[in-house]
Amino acid sequence: MTNISSDVAESFLKRARHSLRQHHLPRIVRCLETLSQKEIWWRPNPASNSVGNLVLHLQGNLRQWIISGLGGEPDRRNRPREFAERGPLPRRELLTGLRATALKATRVLQQISARDLKRLYTVQGLRVSGLTATQHVLEHFAYHSGQIAYVAKLKQRKDLGFTHLPGEKPKGRGRRHLPVI
């Protein structure tokens, strides 16, 4: 792997922490808060996952790749259980678990360095650099965040205010807006 300067590494890690905690997590939280308990566990068909399953899956992924993979904690992930759950686990439990896991993952990302990003780790039986593991988690979190938002918009039949078209003013005066993606 090529050299990663400390400045580039810190910039990447800062952006990674922001993406997880300040960008995608608040959107998922808002979606969970708008959905009913029944809607959180709704599946459009047997081949699809519920929002609840996706939240459990995101927690498992963060724990395995960042907290265990980069942070060194034991990996106790049971990936099939994330998808087998049919709920309804309470919304509060899902929110508490996701927030705590995201906080712990960002703390790990706060502690690692440019050297750690270059280092090789074994995650899910794969040998990956810290940079690759972190990038994987960011993409994965964003991907499922979008799926969760889609279900929330579908079920609520309204715009959640996460984005707006260029030149369009954000809707909802006085409401705190999340960063535009």
N, C-alpha and C. Protein backbone atom coordinates (compact mmCIF):
# COMPACT_ATOMS: atom_id res chain seq x y z
N MET A 1 0.85 -1.17 0.00
CA MET A 1 0.00 0.00 0.00
C MET A 1 0.89 1.23 0.00
N THR A 2 0.48 2.23 -0.73
CA THR A 2 1.25 3.46 -0.80
C THR A 2 1.19 4.21 0.51
N ASN A 3 2.09 5.17 0.65
CA ASN A 3 2.11 5.98 1.85
C ASN A 3 0.88 6.86 1.94
N ILE A 4 0.34 6.94 3.14
CA ILE A 4 -0.78 7.84 3.42
C ILE A 4 -0.24 8.86 4.41
N SER A 5 -0.27 10.13 4.01
CA SER A 5 0.22 11.15 4.93
C SER A 5 -0.70 11.26 6.13
N SER A 6 -0.17 11.74 7.22
CA SER A 6 -0.97 11.92 8.43
C SER A 6 -2.12 12.87 8.19
N ASP A 7 -1.89 13.93 7.40
CA ASP A 7 -2.95 14.90 7.11
C ASP A 7 -4.10 14.26 6.32
N VAL A 8 -3.75 13.47 5.31
CA VAL A 8 -4.77 12.81 4.50
C VAL A 8 -5.52 11.78 5.35
N ALA A 9 -4.78 11.03 6.14
CA ALA A 9 -5.41 10.03 7.02
C ALA A 9 -6.37 10.70 7.99
N GLU A 10 -5.95 11.76 8.62
CA GLU A 10 -6.82 12.45 9.58
C GLU A 10 -8.04 13.03 8.90
N SER A 11 -7.87 13.58 7.71
CA SER A 11 -9.00 14.11 6.96
C SER A 11 -9.99 13.00 6.62
N PHE A 12 -9.49 11.87 6.15
CA PHE A 12 -10.34 10.73 5.82
C PHE A 12 -11.08 10.22 7.05
N LEU A 13 -10.37 10.07 8.15
CA LEU A 13 -11.00 9.56 9.38
C LEU A 13 -12.02 10.54 9.95
N LYS A 14 -11.72 11.83 9.85
CA LYS A 14 -12.67 12.85 10.31
C LYS A 14 -13.95 12.75 9.48
N ARG A 15 -13.80 12.62 8.17
CA ARG A 15 -14.95 12.50 7.29
C ARG A 15 -15.72 11.21 7.57
N ALA A 16 -15.02 10.13 7.85
CA ALA A 16 -15.66 8.85 8.17
C ALA A 16 -16.50 8.98 9.44
N ARG A 17 -15.93 9.59 10.47
CA ARG A 17 -16.68 9.78 11.72
C ARG A 17 -17.90 10.65 11.50
N HIS A 18 -17.73 11.72 10.73
CA HIS A 18 -18.84 12.61 10.43
C HIS A 18 -19.94 11.87 9.65
N SER A 19 -19.54 11.11 8.65
CA SER A 19 -20.48 10.38 7.82
C SER A 19 -21.34 9.43 8.66
N LEU A 20 -20.70 8.70 9.56
CA LEU A 20 -21.43 7.76 10.39
C LEU A 20 -22.34 8.45 11.40
N ARG A 21 -21.77 9.35 12.20
CA ARG A 21 -22.50 9.91 13.35
C ARG A 21 -23.35 11.13 13.02
N GLN A 22 -22.87 12.03 12.17
CA GLN A 22 -23.61 13.27 11.94
C GLN A 22 -24.41 13.28 10.64
N HIS A 23 -24.13 12.36 9.76
CA HIS A 23 -24.82 12.38 8.47
C HIS A 23 -25.87 11.27 8.39
N HIS A 24 -25.43 10.03 8.34
CA HIS A 24 -26.35 8.92 8.13
C HIS A 24 -27.13 8.53 9.38
N LEU A 25 -26.49 8.49 10.54
CA LEU A 25 -27.18 8.09 11.75
C LEU A 25 -28.41 8.96 12.03
N PRO A 26 -28.31 10.29 11.97
CA PRO A 26 -29.52 11.10 12.23
C PRO A 26 -30.65 10.82 11.24
N ARG A 27 -30.32 10.48 10.04
CA ARG A 27 -31.35 10.16 9.04
C ARG A 27 -32.05 8.85 9.39
N ILE A 28 -31.27 7.88 9.77
CA ILE A 28 -31.86 6.59 10.17
C ILE A 28 -32.73 6.80 11.41
N VAL A 29 -32.24 7.58 12.36
CA VAL A 29 -33.02 7.86 13.58
C VAL A 29 -34.35 8.52 13.20
N ARG A 30 -34.30 9.52 12.34
CA ARG A 30 -35.53 10.19 11.93
C ARG A 30 -36.49 9.21 11.26
N CYS A 31 -35.97 8.34 10.43
CA CYS A 31 -36.82 7.34 9.78
C CYS A 31 -37.48 6.44 10.82
N LEU A 32 -36.69 5.94 11.76
CA LEU A 32 -37.25 5.07 12.79
C LEU A 32 -38.30 5.79 13.61
N GLU A 33 -38.10 7.07 13.85
CA GLU A 33 -39.06 7.84 14.64
C GLU A 33 -40.35 8.11 13.87
N THR A 34 -40.30 8.10 12.54
CA THR A 34 -41.52 8.36 11.76
C THR A 34 -42.31 7.09 11.49
N LEU A 35 -41.66 5.96 11.54
CA LEU A 35 -42.32 4.69 11.23
C LEU A 35 -43.00 4.11 12.47
N SER A 36 -44.12 3.46 12.27
CA SER A 36 -44.78 2.73 13.36
C SER A 36 -43.99 1.45 13.62
N GLN A 37 -44.27 0.83 14.74
CA GLN A 37 -43.61 -0.43 15.07
C GLN A 37 -43.88 -1.46 13.97
N LYS A 38 -45.09 -1.50 13.48
CA LYS A 38 -45.45 -2.44 12.41
C LYS A 38 -44.67 -2.12 11.14
N GLU A 39 -44.52 -0.85 10.81
CA GLU A 39 -43.80 -0.45 9.60
C GLU A 39 -42.30 -0.75 9.70
N ILE A 40 -41.75 -0.66 10.89
CA ILE A 40 -40.32 -0.97 11.09
C ILE A 40 -40.04 -2.42 10.73
N TRP A 41 -41.01 -3.30 10.97
CA TRP A 41 -40.80 -4.74 10.72
C TRP A 41 -41.50 -5.23 9.45
N TRP A 42 -42.07 -4.31 8.68
CA TRP A 42 -42.73 -4.65 7.42
C TRP A 42 -41.70 -5.10 6.39
N ARG A 43 -42.05 -6.14 5.65
CA ARG A 43 -41.25 -6.64 4.53
C ARG A 43 -42.11 -6.63 3.29
N PRO A 44 -41.63 -6.02 2.21
CA PRO A 44 -42.45 -5.99 0.99
C PRO A 44 -42.64 -7.37 0.37
N ASN A 45 -41.71 -8.27 0.64
CA ASN A 45 -41.79 -9.64 0.13
C ASN A 45 -40.78 -10.49 0.91
N PRO A 46 -40.85 -11.81 0.80
CA PRO A 46 -39.95 -12.67 1.58
C PRO A 46 -38.46 -12.50 1.24
N ALA A 47 -38.14 -11.97 0.07
CA ALA A 47 -36.73 -11.80 -0.33
C ALA A 47 -36.15 -10.47 0.16
N SER A 48 -36.96 -9.64 0.82
CA SER A 48 -36.52 -8.32 1.26
C SER A 48 -36.42 -8.26 2.78
N ASN A 49 -35.64 -7.31 3.25
CA ASN A 49 -35.47 -7.12 4.68
C ASN A 49 -36.32 -5.98 5.18
N SER A 50 -36.66 -6.04 6.45
CA SER A 50 -37.37 -4.94 7.09
C SER A 50 -36.36 -3.88 7.52
N VAL A 51 -36.85 -2.71 7.85
CA VAL A 51 -36.00 -1.65 8.40
C VAL A 51 -35.35 -2.15 9.68
N GLY A 52 -36.11 -2.86 10.50
CA GLY A 52 -35.55 -3.41 11.74
C GLY A 52 -34.37 -4.32 11.48
N ASN A 53 -34.51 -5.21 10.47
CA ASN A 53 -33.39 -6.09 10.11
C ASN A 53 -32.18 -5.28 9.65
N LEU A 54 -32.42 -4.24 8.86
CA LEU A 54 -31.30 -3.42 8.36
C LEU A 54 -30.59 -2.72 9.51
N VAL A 55 -31.32 -2.26 10.50
CA VAL A 55 -30.70 -1.61 11.65
C VAL A 55 -29.85 -2.62 12.43
N LEU A 56 -30.36 -3.82 12.64
CA LEU A 56 -29.57 -4.86 13.31
C LEU A 56 -28.33 -5.21 12.48
N HIS A 57 -28.51 -5.28 11.18
CA HIS A 57 -27.41 -5.59 10.27
C HIS A 57 -26.33 -4.51 10.31
N LEU A 58 -26.73 -3.25 10.34
CA LEU A 58 -25.74 -2.16 10.42
C LEU A 58 -24.95 -2.24 11.72
N GLN A 59 -25.62 -2.57 12.80
CA GLN A 59 -24.91 -2.73 14.07
C GLN A 59 -23.89 -3.86 13.99
N GLY A 60 -24.30 -4.98 13.42
CA GLY A 60 -23.38 -6.12 13.28
C GLY A 60 -22.19 -5.78 12.42
N ASN A 61 -22.43 -5.08 11.32
CA ASN A 61 -21.36 -4.70 10.41
C ASN A 61 -20.38 -3.73 11.08
N LEU A 62 -20.90 -2.72 11.79
CA LEU A 62 -20.02 -1.78 12.49
C LEU A 62 -19.18 -2.49 13.54
N ARG A 63 -19.82 -3.38 14.30
CA ARG A 63 -19.08 -4.11 15.34
C ARG A 63 -18.00 -4.99 14.72
N GLN A 64 -18.36 -5.72 13.66
CA GLN A 64 -17.40 -6.66 13.09
C GLN A 64 -16.24 -5.97 12.40
N TRP A 65 -16.51 -4.98 11.57
CA TRP A 65 -15.47 -4.37 10.76
C TRP A 65 -14.66 -3.30 11.50
N ILE A 66 -15.32 -2.51 12.33
CA ILE A 66 -14.61 -1.40 12.99
C ILE A 66 -14.26 -1.75 14.43
N ILE A 67 -15.25 -2.06 15.24
CA ILE A 67 -15.02 -2.27 16.67
C ILE A 67 -14.15 -3.50 16.90
N SER A 68 -14.46 -4.60 16.21
CA SER A 68 -13.64 -5.81 16.35
C SER A 68 -12.46 -5.79 15.39
N GLY A 69 -12.74 -5.56 14.11
CA GLY A 69 -11.69 -5.62 13.10
C GLY A 69 -10.55 -4.65 13.34
N LEU A 70 -10.88 -3.36 13.47
CA LEU A 70 -9.83 -2.35 13.69
C LEU A 70 -9.56 -2.12 15.17
N GLY A 71 -10.59 -2.26 15.99
CA GLY A 71 -10.47 -1.95 17.42
C GLY A 71 -9.98 -3.10 18.28
N GLY A 72 -10.01 -4.31 17.73
CA GLY A 72 -9.44 -5.45 18.44
C GLY A 72 -10.37 -6.16 19.42
N GLU A 73 -11.62 -5.75 19.52
CA GLU A 73 -12.54 -6.47 20.41
C GLU A 73 -12.90 -7.82 19.79
N PRO A 74 -13.28 -8.78 20.61
CA PRO A 74 -13.67 -10.09 20.07
C PRO A 74 -14.85 -9.96 19.11
N ASP A 75 -14.83 -10.74 18.05
CA ASP A 75 -15.90 -10.73 17.06
C ASP A 75 -16.91 -11.81 17.44
N ARG A 76 -18.07 -11.36 17.88
CA ARG A 76 -19.14 -12.28 18.27
C ARG A 76 -20.37 -12.13 17.37
N ARG A 77 -20.15 -11.68 16.17
CA ARG A 77 -21.26 -11.41 15.26
C ARG A 77 -21.98 -12.70 14.86
N ASN A 78 -23.31 -12.61 14.85
CA ASN A 78 -24.16 -13.68 14.33
C ASN A 78 -24.97 -13.08 13.19
N ARG A 79 -24.36 -13.00 12.02
CA ARG A 79 -24.96 -12.33 10.87
C ARG A 79 -26.32 -12.91 10.48
N PRO A 80 -26.49 -14.23 10.44
CA PRO A 80 -27.81 -14.77 10.07
C PRO A 80 -28.93 -14.30 11.02
N ARG A 81 -28.62 -14.11 12.29
CA ARG A 81 -29.63 -13.65 13.25
C ARG A 81 -30.12 -12.24 12.92
N GLU A 82 -29.24 -11.40 12.36
CA GLU A 82 -29.63 -10.04 12.00
C GLU A 82 -30.79 -10.05 11.00
N PHE A 83 -30.80 -11.03 10.12
CA PHE A 83 -31.82 -11.12 9.07
C PHE A 83 -32.98 -12.02 9.47
N ALA A 84 -32.77 -12.92 10.43
CA ALA A 84 -33.81 -13.85 10.85
C ALA A 84 -34.82 -13.19 11.79
N GLU A 85 -34.40 -12.15 12.48
CA GLU A 85 -35.29 -11.48 13.44
C GLU A 85 -36.56 -10.99 12.74
N ARG A 86 -37.70 -11.27 13.36
CA ARG A 86 -38.97 -10.82 12.80
C ARG A 86 -39.66 -9.80 13.70
N GLY A 87 -39.00 -9.49 14.82
CA GLY A 87 -39.53 -8.47 15.71
C GLY A 87 -40.85 -8.89 16.33
N PRO A 88 -41.49 -7.96 16.92
CA PRO A 88 -41.03 -6.58 16.86
C PRO A 88 -40.17 -6.20 18.06
N LEU A 89 -38.86 -6.12 17.85
CA LEU A 89 -38.02 -5.51 18.87
C LEU A 89 -38.47 -4.05 18.97
N PRO A 90 -38.56 -3.52 20.16
CA PRO A 90 -39.04 -2.14 20.29
C PRO A 90 -38.13 -1.14 19.59
N ARG A 91 -38.75 -0.10 19.03
CA ARG A 91 -38.02 0.98 18.36
C ARG A 91 -36.91 1.51 19.27
N ARG A 92 -37.23 1.74 20.55
CA ARG A 92 -36.24 2.28 21.50
C ARG A 92 -35.00 1.39 21.57
N GLU A 93 -35.20 0.08 21.55
CA GLU A 93 -34.07 -0.86 21.60
C GLU A 93 -33.21 -0.74 20.33
N LEU A 94 -33.87 -0.64 19.18
CA LEU A 94 -33.13 -0.47 17.92
C LEU A 94 -32.34 0.84 17.92
N LEU A 95 -32.99 1.93 18.34
CA LEU A 95 -32.33 3.24 18.37
C LEU A 95 -31.16 3.25 19.34
N THR A 96 -31.37 2.72 20.53
CA THR A 96 -30.31 2.69 21.54
C THR A 96 -29.12 1.87 21.05
N GLY A 97 -29.41 0.71 20.48
CA GLY A 97 -28.34 -0.15 19.99
C GLY A 97 -27.55 0.47 18.85
N LEU A 98 -28.25 1.08 17.90
CA LEU A 98 -27.55 1.70 16.76
C LEU A 98 -26.73 2.90 17.20
N ARG A 99 -27.31 3.74 18.06
CA ARG A 99 -26.56 4.91 18.54
C ARG A 99 -25.31 4.49 19.30
N ALA A 100 -25.44 3.53 20.20
CA ALA A 100 -24.30 3.07 21.00
C ALA A 100 -23.22 2.45 20.12
N THR A 101 -23.64 1.66 19.15
CA THR A 101 -22.67 1.01 18.26
C THR A 101 -21.96 2.04 17.39
N ALA A 102 -22.70 3.00 16.85
CA ALA A 102 -22.09 4.05 16.03
C ALA A 102 -21.12 4.89 16.86
N LEU A 103 -21.48 5.19 18.10
CA LEU A 103 -20.59 5.95 18.98
C LEU A 103 -19.30 5.17 19.24
N LYS A 104 -19.43 3.90 19.54
CA LYS A 104 -18.26 3.07 19.81
C LYS A 104 -17.36 2.98 18.56
N ALA A 105 -17.99 2.82 17.40
CA ALA A 105 -17.21 2.74 16.15
C ALA A 105 -16.48 4.06 15.88
N THR A 106 -17.14 5.19 16.11
CA THR A 106 -16.47 6.47 15.87
C THR A 106 -15.35 6.69 16.88
N ARG A 107 -15.48 6.15 18.07
CA ARG A 107 -14.37 6.23 19.04
C ARG A 107 -13.16 5.44 18.57
N VAL A 108 -13.41 4.27 17.98
CA VAL A 108 -12.31 3.49 17.40
C VAL A 108 -11.66 4.30 16.28
N LEU A 109 -12.48 4.89 15.42
CA LEU A 109 -11.95 5.69 14.31
C LEU A 109 -11.23 6.94 14.80
N GLN A 110 -11.54 7.40 15.99
CA GLN A 110 -10.84 8.54 16.60
C GLN A 110 -9.42 8.14 17.05
N GLN A 111 -9.27 6.88 17.39
CA GLN A 111 -8.00 6.40 17.95
C GLN A 111 -7.00 5.89 16.92
N ILE A 112 -7.45 5.58 15.71
CA ILE A 112 -6.50 5.00 14.76
C ILE A 112 -5.74 6.09 14.00
N SER A 113 -4.63 5.68 13.42
CA SER A 113 -3.71 6.62 12.77
C SER A 113 -3.51 6.23 11.30
N ALA A 114 -2.68 7.02 10.62
CA ALA A 114 -2.32 6.71 9.24
C ALA A 114 -1.67 5.33 9.17
N ARG A 115 -0.87 5.02 10.13
CA ARG A 115 -0.21 3.71 10.19
C ARG A 115 -1.24 2.59 10.30
N ASP A 116 -2.28 2.81 11.12
CA ASP A 116 -3.34 1.81 11.28
C ASP A 116 -4.15 1.64 10.00
N LEU A 117 -4.32 2.71 9.23
CA LEU A 117 -5.04 2.60 7.96
C LEU A 117 -4.28 1.73 6.97
N LYS A 118 -2.95 1.73 7.05
CA LYS A 118 -2.12 0.92 6.15
C LYS A 118 -2.01 -0.53 6.61
N ARG A 119 -2.16 -0.74 7.91
CA ARG A 119 -2.00 -2.07 8.50
C ARG A 119 -3.04 -3.04 7.96
N LEU A 120 -2.70 -4.33 7.88
CA LEU A 120 -3.63 -5.36 7.44
C LEU A 120 -4.35 -5.97 8.64
N TYR A 121 -5.64 -6.20 8.45
CA TYR A 121 -6.51 -6.80 9.46
C TYR A 121 -7.23 -7.97 8.81
N THR A 122 -7.70 -8.92 9.62
CA THR A 122 -8.53 -9.99 9.12
C THR A 122 -9.95 -9.75 9.61
N VAL A 123 -10.86 -9.56 8.64
CA VAL A 123 -12.28 -9.32 8.94
C VAL A 123 -13.09 -10.22 8.01
N GLN A 124 -14.00 -10.98 8.56
CA GLN A 124 -14.82 -11.95 7.80
C GLN A 124 -13.94 -12.88 6.97
N GLY A 125 -12.78 -13.22 7.50
CA GLY A 125 -11.87 -14.11 6.81
C GLY A 125 -11.09 -13.45 5.68
N LEU A 126 -11.24 -12.16 5.51
CA LEU A 126 -10.53 -11.42 4.47
C LEU A 126 -9.37 -10.64 5.07
N ARG A 127 -8.27 -10.51 4.33
CA ARG A 127 -7.15 -9.66 4.74
C ARG A 127 -7.34 -8.32 4.05
N VAL A 128 -7.61 -7.29 4.86
CA VAL A 128 -7.88 -5.96 4.32
C VAL A 128 -7.10 -4.92 5.12
N SER A 129 -6.81 -3.81 4.45
CA SER A 129 -6.17 -2.71 5.16
C SER A 129 -7.22 -1.99 6.01
N GLY A 130 -6.75 -1.21 6.96
CA GLY A 130 -7.65 -0.38 7.76
C GLY A 130 -8.42 0.59 6.88
N LEU A 131 -7.76 1.10 5.85
CA LEU A 131 -8.41 2.01 4.91
C LEU A 131 -9.56 1.30 4.18
N THR A 132 -9.30 0.10 3.70
CA THR A 132 -10.32 -0.67 2.99
C THR A 132 -11.49 -1.01 3.92
N ALA A 133 -11.19 -1.42 5.13
CA ALA A 133 -12.24 -1.76 6.09
C ALA A 133 -13.12 -0.55 6.39
N THR A 134 -12.49 0.60 6.60
CA THR A 134 -13.24 1.81 6.90
C THR A 134 -14.09 2.24 5.71
N GLN A 135 -13.51 2.20 4.53
CA GLN A 135 -14.26 2.57 3.33
C GLN A 135 -15.43 1.63 3.10
N HIS A 136 -15.21 0.34 3.33
CA HIS A 136 -16.29 -0.64 3.20
C HIS A 136 -17.46 -0.27 4.12
N VAL A 137 -17.15 0.04 5.37
CA VAL A 137 -18.20 0.37 6.34
C VAL A 137 -18.95 1.64 5.93
N LEU A 138 -18.23 2.64 5.46
CA LEU A 138 -18.89 3.88 5.03
C LEU A 138 -19.87 3.62 3.88
N GLU A 139 -19.43 2.87 2.89
CA GLU A 139 -20.29 2.55 1.74
C GLU A 139 -21.49 1.72 2.18
N HIS A 140 -21.23 0.74 3.01
CA HIS A 140 -22.27 -0.15 3.49
C HIS A 140 -23.31 0.61 4.31
N PHE A 141 -22.86 1.48 5.19
CA PHE A 141 -23.76 2.27 6.04
C PHE A 141 -24.61 3.20 5.18
N ALA A 142 -23.99 3.83 4.20
CA ALA A 142 -24.72 4.74 3.31
C ALA A 142 -25.74 3.98 2.48
N TYR A 143 -25.36 2.83 1.98
CA TYR A 143 -26.25 2.01 1.15
C TYR A 143 -27.53 1.66 1.91
N HIS A 144 -27.37 1.11 3.10
CA HIS A 144 -28.55 0.70 3.88
C HIS A 144 -29.29 1.90 4.44
N SER A 145 -28.61 2.99 4.70
CA SER A 145 -29.28 4.23 5.13
C SER A 145 -30.27 4.67 4.04
N GLY A 146 -29.86 4.59 2.80
CA GLY A 146 -30.73 4.94 1.69
C GLY A 146 -31.93 4.00 1.58
N GLN A 147 -31.71 2.72 1.81
CA GLN A 147 -32.83 1.77 1.79
C GLN A 147 -33.84 2.10 2.90
N ILE A 148 -33.34 2.42 4.07
CA ILE A 148 -34.21 2.75 5.20
C ILE A 148 -35.00 4.02 4.88
N ALA A 149 -34.34 5.02 4.32
CA ALA A 149 -35.03 6.26 3.96
C ALA A 149 -36.10 5.99 2.90
N TYR A 150 -35.79 5.13 1.95
CA TYR A 150 -36.76 4.81 0.91
C TYR A 150 -38.02 4.20 1.51
N VAL A 151 -37.85 3.25 2.42
CA VAL A 151 -39.01 2.61 3.06
C VAL A 151 -39.80 3.64 3.86
N ALA A 152 -39.11 4.51 4.59
CA ALA A 152 -39.80 5.54 5.37
C ALA A 152 -40.61 6.47 4.47
N LYS A 153 -40.03 6.89 3.35
CA LYS A 153 -40.76 7.75 2.41
C LYS A 153 -41.94 7.00 1.79
N LEU A 154 -41.74 5.75 1.48
CA LEU A 154 -42.79 4.93 0.90
C LEU A 154 -43.96 4.78 1.88
N LYS A 155 -43.66 4.48 3.11
CA LYS A 155 -44.70 4.25 4.11
C LYS A 155 -45.35 5.56 4.58
N GLN A 156 -44.59 6.62 4.69
CA GLN A 156 -45.12 7.90 5.17
C GLN A 156 -45.76 8.73 4.06
N ARG A 157 -45.42 8.38 2.82
CA ARG A 157 -45.95 9.09 1.65
C ARG A 157 -45.64 10.59 1.70
N LYS A 158 -44.43 10.89 2.15
CA LYS A 158 -44.01 12.29 2.19
C LYS A 158 -42.49 12.39 2.13
N ASP A 159 -42.04 13.55 1.75
CA ASP A 159 -40.61 13.84 1.71
C ASP A 159 -40.10 13.99 3.13
N LEU A 160 -38.98 13.43 3.42
CA LEU A 160 -38.41 13.51 4.76
C LEU A 160 -37.49 14.72 4.93
N GLY A 161 -37.28 15.48 3.84
CA GLY A 161 -36.48 16.70 3.94
C GLY A 161 -34.98 16.46 3.97
N PHE A 162 -34.54 15.30 3.52
CA PHE A 162 -33.11 15.01 3.54
C PHE A 162 -32.37 15.68 2.38
N THR A 163 -33.06 15.88 1.28
CA THR A 163 -32.43 16.44 0.08
C THR A 163 -33.35 17.48 -0.54
N HIS A 164 -32.78 18.23 -1.47
CA HIS A 164 -33.58 19.12 -2.30
C HIS A 164 -32.86 19.30 -3.63
N LEU A 165 -33.63 19.64 -4.63
CA LEU A 165 -33.06 19.83 -5.95
C LEU A 165 -32.22 21.10 -6.00
N PRO A 166 -31.20 21.16 -6.86
CA PRO A 166 -30.41 22.39 -6.98
C PRO A 166 -31.33 23.58 -7.29
N GLY A 167 -31.14 24.66 -6.59
CA GLY A 167 -31.94 25.86 -6.79
C GLY A 167 -33.24 25.87 -6.01
N GLU A 168 -33.60 24.73 -5.44
CA GLU A 168 -34.83 24.62 -4.66
C GLU A 168 -34.53 24.95 -3.19
N LYS A 169 -35.40 25.69 -2.56
CA LYS A 169 -35.20 26.01 -1.15
C LYS A 169 -35.67 24.83 -0.30
N PRO A 170 -34.91 24.52 0.76
CA PRO A 170 -35.34 23.43 1.64
C PRO A 170 -36.72 23.72 2.22
N LYS A 171 -37.51 22.66 2.36
CA LYS A 171 -38.87 22.79 2.90
C LYS A 171 -38.84 22.81 4.42
N GLY A 172 -39.89 23.32 5.03
CA GLY A 172 -40.04 23.23 6.48
C GLY A 172 -39.31 24.31 7.23
N ARG A 173 -39.79 25.52 7.19
CA ARG A 173 -39.14 26.62 7.91
C ARG A 173 -39.03 26.33 9.39
N GLY A 174 -37.93 26.75 9.96
CA GLY A 174 -37.72 26.60 11.39
C GLY A 174 -37.28 25.21 11.80
N ARG A 175 -37.31 24.28 10.87
CA ARG A 175 -36.89 22.92 11.18
C ARG A 175 -35.40 22.77 10.91
N ARG A 176 -34.71 22.11 11.79
CA ARG A 176 -33.28 21.86 11.60
C ARG A 176 -33.12 20.88 10.44
N HIS A 177 -32.35 21.27 9.45
CA HIS A 177 -32.16 20.40 8.29
C HIS A 177 -30.85 19.63 8.40
N LEU A 178 -30.90 18.42 7.92
CA LEU A 178 -29.70 17.60 7.85
C LEU A 178 -28.91 18.01 6.61
N PRO A 179 -27.63 17.71 6.58
CA PRO A 179 -26.84 18.06 5.40
C PRO A 179 -27.42 17.41 4.15
N VAL A 180 -27.39 18.13 3.06
CA VAL A 180 -27.88 17.64 1.79
C VAL A 180 -26.90 16.60 1.24
N ILE A 181 -27.43 15.52 0.71
CA ILE A 181 -26.56 14.50 0.10
C ILE A 181 -26.71 14.55 -1.40
